[in-house]
N, C-alpha and C. Protein backbone atom coordinates (compact mmCIF):
# COMPACT_ATOMS: atom_id res chain seq x y z
N MET A 1 0.85 -1.17 -0.06
CA MET A 1 0.04 0.12 0.05
C MET A 1 0.81 1.24 0.05
N GLU A 2 1.90 1.47 0.83
CA GLU A 2 2.71 2.42 0.75
C GLU A 2 3.35 2.66 -0.22
N PHE A 3 3.95 1.66 -0.97
CA PHE A 3 4.80 1.72 -2.30
C PHE A 3 3.76 2.27 -3.36
N ASP A 4 2.48 1.78 -3.35
CA ASP A 4 1.52 2.19 -4.48
C ASP A 4 1.24 3.66 -4.26
N LEU A 5 0.95 4.19 -3.05
CA LEU A 5 0.64 5.59 -2.73
C LEU A 5 1.97 6.29 -3.16
N LEU A 6 3.04 6.08 -2.76
CA LEU A 6 4.32 6.60 -3.09
C LEU A 6 4.49 6.89 -4.49
N LYS A 7 4.32 5.71 -5.29
CA LYS A 7 4.42 5.62 -6.71
C LYS A 7 3.44 6.76 -7.35
N ASP A 8 2.40 6.72 -6.88
CA ASP A 8 1.13 7.60 -7.37
C ASP A 8 1.75 9.03 -7.07
N ALA A 9 2.24 9.35 -6.00
CA ALA A 9 2.79 10.74 -5.71
C ALA A 9 3.90 11.23 -6.46
N ILE A 10 4.81 10.19 -6.83
CA ILE A 10 6.11 10.36 -7.67
C ILE A 10 5.47 10.67 -9.14
N VAL A 11 4.56 9.80 -9.63
CA VAL A 11 4.09 10.05 -11.03
C VAL A 11 3.37 11.28 -11.13
N ASP A 12 2.50 11.74 -10.10
CA ASP A 12 1.84 12.95 -10.16
C ASP A 12 2.70 14.33 -10.06
N VAL A 13 3.85 14.25 -9.02
CA VAL A 13 4.70 15.34 -9.03
C VAL A 13 5.61 15.43 -10.24
N LEU A 14 6.31 14.18 -10.53
CA LEU A 14 7.54 14.21 -11.44
C LEU A 14 7.01 14.02 -12.93
N LYS A 15 5.76 13.54 -13.24
CA LYS A 15 5.21 13.28 -14.53
C LYS A 15 6.16 12.23 -15.17
N VAL A 16 6.50 11.24 -14.57
CA VAL A 16 7.36 9.99 -14.98
C VAL A 16 6.25 8.81 -15.14
N TYR A 17 6.81 7.86 -15.98
CA TYR A 17 6.04 6.69 -16.29
C TYR A 17 6.10 5.86 -15.02
N PRO A 18 4.99 5.40 -14.58
CA PRO A 18 4.86 4.34 -13.42
C PRO A 18 5.85 3.14 -13.37
N GLY A 19 6.08 2.68 -14.74
CA GLY A 19 7.04 1.48 -14.87
C GLY A 19 8.35 1.79 -14.63
N GLU A 20 8.88 3.11 -14.47
CA GLU A 20 10.17 3.51 -14.09
C GLU A 20 10.56 3.37 -12.55
N ILE A 21 9.48 3.18 -11.69
CA ILE A 21 9.64 3.29 -10.47
C ILE A 21 9.73 1.80 -9.73
N ASN A 22 10.69 1.42 -9.12
CA ASN A 22 10.61 0.42 -8.21
C ASN A 22 11.34 0.85 -6.80
N GLU A 23 11.56 -0.11 -5.91
CA GLU A 23 12.17 0.27 -4.57
C GLU A 23 13.59 0.66 -4.60
N ASN A 24 14.26 0.38 -5.75
CA ASN A 24 15.74 0.79 -5.85
C ASN A 24 15.79 2.05 -6.72
N THR A 25 14.81 2.48 -7.13
CA THR A 25 14.83 3.77 -7.99
C THR A 25 15.35 5.04 -7.04
N THR A 26 16.32 5.81 -7.53
CA THR A 26 16.71 6.97 -6.65
C THR A 26 15.92 8.21 -7.18
N PHE A 27 15.71 8.95 -6.35
CA PHE A 27 14.92 10.21 -6.61
C PHE A 27 15.82 11.18 -7.35
N LEU A 28 17.03 11.38 -7.05
CA LEU A 28 17.78 12.34 -7.78
C LEU A 28 18.44 11.82 -9.08
N GLY A 29 18.93 10.51 -9.00
CA GLY A 29 19.69 10.00 -10.29
C GLY A 29 18.71 9.52 -11.25
N ASP A 30 17.91 8.81 -10.85
CA ASP A 30 17.05 8.03 -11.70
C ASP A 30 15.76 8.81 -12.10
N LEU A 31 15.26 9.55 -11.15
CA LEU A 31 13.98 10.25 -11.57
C LEU A 31 14.18 11.89 -11.84
N GLY A 32 15.35 12.23 -11.47
CA GLY A 32 15.83 13.61 -11.79
C GLY A 32 15.00 14.55 -10.86
N ALA A 33 14.55 14.15 -9.75
CA ALA A 33 13.96 14.95 -8.61
C ALA A 33 14.95 15.81 -8.06
N ASP A 34 14.44 17.02 -7.67
CA ASP A 34 15.32 17.88 -6.72
C ASP A 34 14.76 17.77 -5.36
N SER A 35 15.25 18.58 -4.39
CA SER A 35 14.67 18.60 -3.04
C SER A 35 13.39 18.94 -2.89
N LEU A 36 13.03 20.04 -3.70
CA LEU A 36 11.52 20.59 -3.79
C LEU A 36 10.58 19.51 -4.20
N ASP A 37 11.02 18.97 -5.23
CA ASP A 37 10.07 17.74 -5.69
C ASP A 37 9.90 16.72 -4.70
N VAL A 38 11.00 16.31 -3.96
CA VAL A 38 11.00 15.36 -2.86
C VAL A 38 9.94 15.74 -1.88
N TYR A 39 10.15 17.04 -1.55
CA TYR A 39 9.08 17.64 -0.39
C TYR A 39 7.69 17.52 -0.93
N GLN A 40 7.46 17.87 -2.13
CA GLN A 40 6.11 17.80 -2.63
C GLN A 40 5.67 16.55 -2.65
N ILE A 41 6.44 15.38 -2.96
CA ILE A 41 6.03 14.00 -2.68
C ILE A 41 5.68 13.62 -1.41
N VAL A 42 6.53 14.31 -0.42
CA VAL A 42 6.36 13.96 0.94
C VAL A 42 5.00 14.41 1.48
N ILE A 43 4.77 15.82 1.04
CA ILE A 43 3.32 16.41 1.52
C ILE A 43 2.29 15.62 1.01
N TYR A 44 2.49 15.05 -0.30
CA TYR A 44 1.39 14.25 -0.78
C TYR A 44 1.03 13.10 0.03
N VAL A 45 2.11 12.48 0.35
CA VAL A 45 1.89 11.22 1.18
C VAL A 45 1.57 11.56 2.67
N GLU A 46 2.05 12.59 3.31
CA GLU A 46 1.51 12.91 4.59
C GLU A 46 0.04 13.14 4.60
N ASP A 47 -0.43 13.84 3.54
CA ASP A 47 -1.78 14.31 3.56
C ASP A 47 -2.74 12.96 3.41
N GLU A 48 -2.20 12.19 2.48
CA GLU A 48 -3.07 10.98 2.14
C GLU A 48 -3.15 10.00 3.41
N LEU A 49 -2.05 10.00 4.22
CA LEU A 49 -2.00 8.99 5.17
C LEU A 49 -2.19 9.61 6.57
N ASN A 50 -2.42 10.69 6.63
CA ASN A 50 -2.54 11.66 7.90
C ASN A 50 -1.29 11.15 8.83
N ILE A 51 -0.23 11.40 8.32
CA ILE A 51 1.14 11.06 9.15
C ILE A 51 2.13 12.51 9.08
N SER A 52 3.17 12.41 9.87
CA SER A 52 4.03 13.40 9.79
C SER A 52 5.46 12.82 9.57
N LEU A 53 6.36 13.30 8.72
CA LEU A 53 7.58 12.63 8.51
C LEU A 53 8.55 13.72 8.93
N ASP A 54 9.76 13.21 9.63
CA ASP A 54 10.62 14.30 10.38
C ASP A 54 11.48 14.76 8.94
N VAL A 55 11.74 16.09 9.08
CA VAL A 55 12.44 16.76 8.10
C VAL A 55 13.75 16.05 8.02
N GLU A 56 14.54 15.89 9.14
CA GLU A 56 16.00 15.36 9.05
C GLU A 56 15.92 13.93 8.36
N ASP A 57 14.89 13.20 8.73
CA ASP A 57 14.77 11.84 7.94
C ASP A 57 14.60 12.03 6.45
N ILE A 58 13.84 12.91 6.06
CA ILE A 58 13.37 13.09 4.65
C ILE A 58 14.82 13.31 3.99
N LYS A 59 15.69 14.18 4.47
CA LYS A 59 16.80 14.65 3.85
C LYS A 59 17.69 13.36 3.48
N LYS A 60 17.57 12.33 4.32
CA LYS A 60 18.42 11.23 4.22
C LYS A 60 17.98 10.26 3.13
N ILE A 61 16.79 10.32 2.58
CA ILE A 61 16.22 9.49 1.81
C ILE A 61 16.74 9.55 0.33
N SER A 62 17.26 8.52 -0.21
CA SER A 62 17.64 8.63 -1.62
C SER A 62 17.04 7.63 -2.56
N THR A 63 16.52 6.59 -2.02
CA THR A 63 15.66 5.71 -2.85
C THR A 63 14.25 5.57 -2.42
N VAL A 64 13.54 4.97 -3.51
CA VAL A 64 11.91 4.84 -3.08
C VAL A 64 11.83 3.96 -1.94
N GLY A 65 12.59 2.79 -1.90
CA GLY A 65 12.56 2.00 -0.94
C GLY A 65 12.74 2.53 0.44
N GLU A 66 13.79 3.44 0.49
CA GLU A 66 14.15 4.10 1.85
C GLU A 66 12.91 4.92 2.27
N ALA A 67 12.22 5.46 1.33
CA ALA A 67 10.96 6.35 1.55
C ALA A 67 9.85 5.61 2.06
N VAL A 68 9.74 4.34 1.39
CA VAL A 68 8.61 3.46 1.85
C VAL A 68 8.94 3.03 3.48
N GLU A 69 10.00 2.67 3.61
CA GLU A 69 10.39 2.44 5.09
C GLU A 69 10.13 3.47 5.92
N LEU A 70 10.61 4.76 5.64
CA LEU A 70 10.36 5.96 6.46
C LEU A 70 8.78 6.04 6.56
N ILE A 71 7.91 5.84 5.55
CA ILE A 71 6.54 6.00 5.72
C ILE A 71 6.06 4.88 6.68
N ARG A 72 6.51 3.68 6.49
CA ARG A 72 6.05 2.61 7.40
C ARG A 72 6.45 2.99 8.87
N LYS A 73 7.55 3.49 9.26
CA LYS A 73 7.78 3.72 10.41
C LYS A 73 7.01 4.89 11.07
N ALA A 74 6.69 5.85 10.26
CA ALA A 74 5.81 7.03 10.67
C ALA A 74 4.39 6.55 10.90
N GLU A 75 4.02 5.48 10.15
CA GLU A 75 2.54 4.93 10.40
C GLU A 75 2.59 4.24 11.71
N GLY A 76 3.49 3.50 11.99
CA GLY A 76 3.79 2.63 13.22
C GLY A 76 3.70 3.67 14.42
N LYS A 77 4.30 4.69 14.34
CA LYS A 77 4.43 5.59 15.42
C LYS A 77 2.92 6.30 15.58
N ASN A 78 2.23 6.61 14.75
CA ASN A 78 1.03 7.16 14.79
C ASN A 78 -0.06 6.19 14.97
N GLY A 79 0.15 5.02 14.86
CA GLY A 79 -0.88 3.92 15.08
C GLY A 79 -1.78 3.85 13.97
N ASN A 80 -1.37 4.13 12.87
CA ASN A 80 -2.16 3.98 11.63
C ASN A 80 -2.16 2.68 10.81
N LYS A 81 -1.46 1.77 11.31
CA LYS A 81 -1.26 0.35 10.79
C LYS A 81 -2.37 -0.51 11.14
């Protein structure tokens, strides 16, 4: 579920083909995202899941898989799972 939502956010913000995205895809290298793009994606996910992600943790994300893990961790903290 988290991966699919994140994938939807990436497609919406970056206008990329969904088939380009997997857990090893990097935001900067593979998708050409900049930090503003990543924050827009994060806001999309936060709004959809009613969670809050730590800014310092967001700065450390480089792959889609890392973002999925961060989302899962935040959901666990908020009791949304």
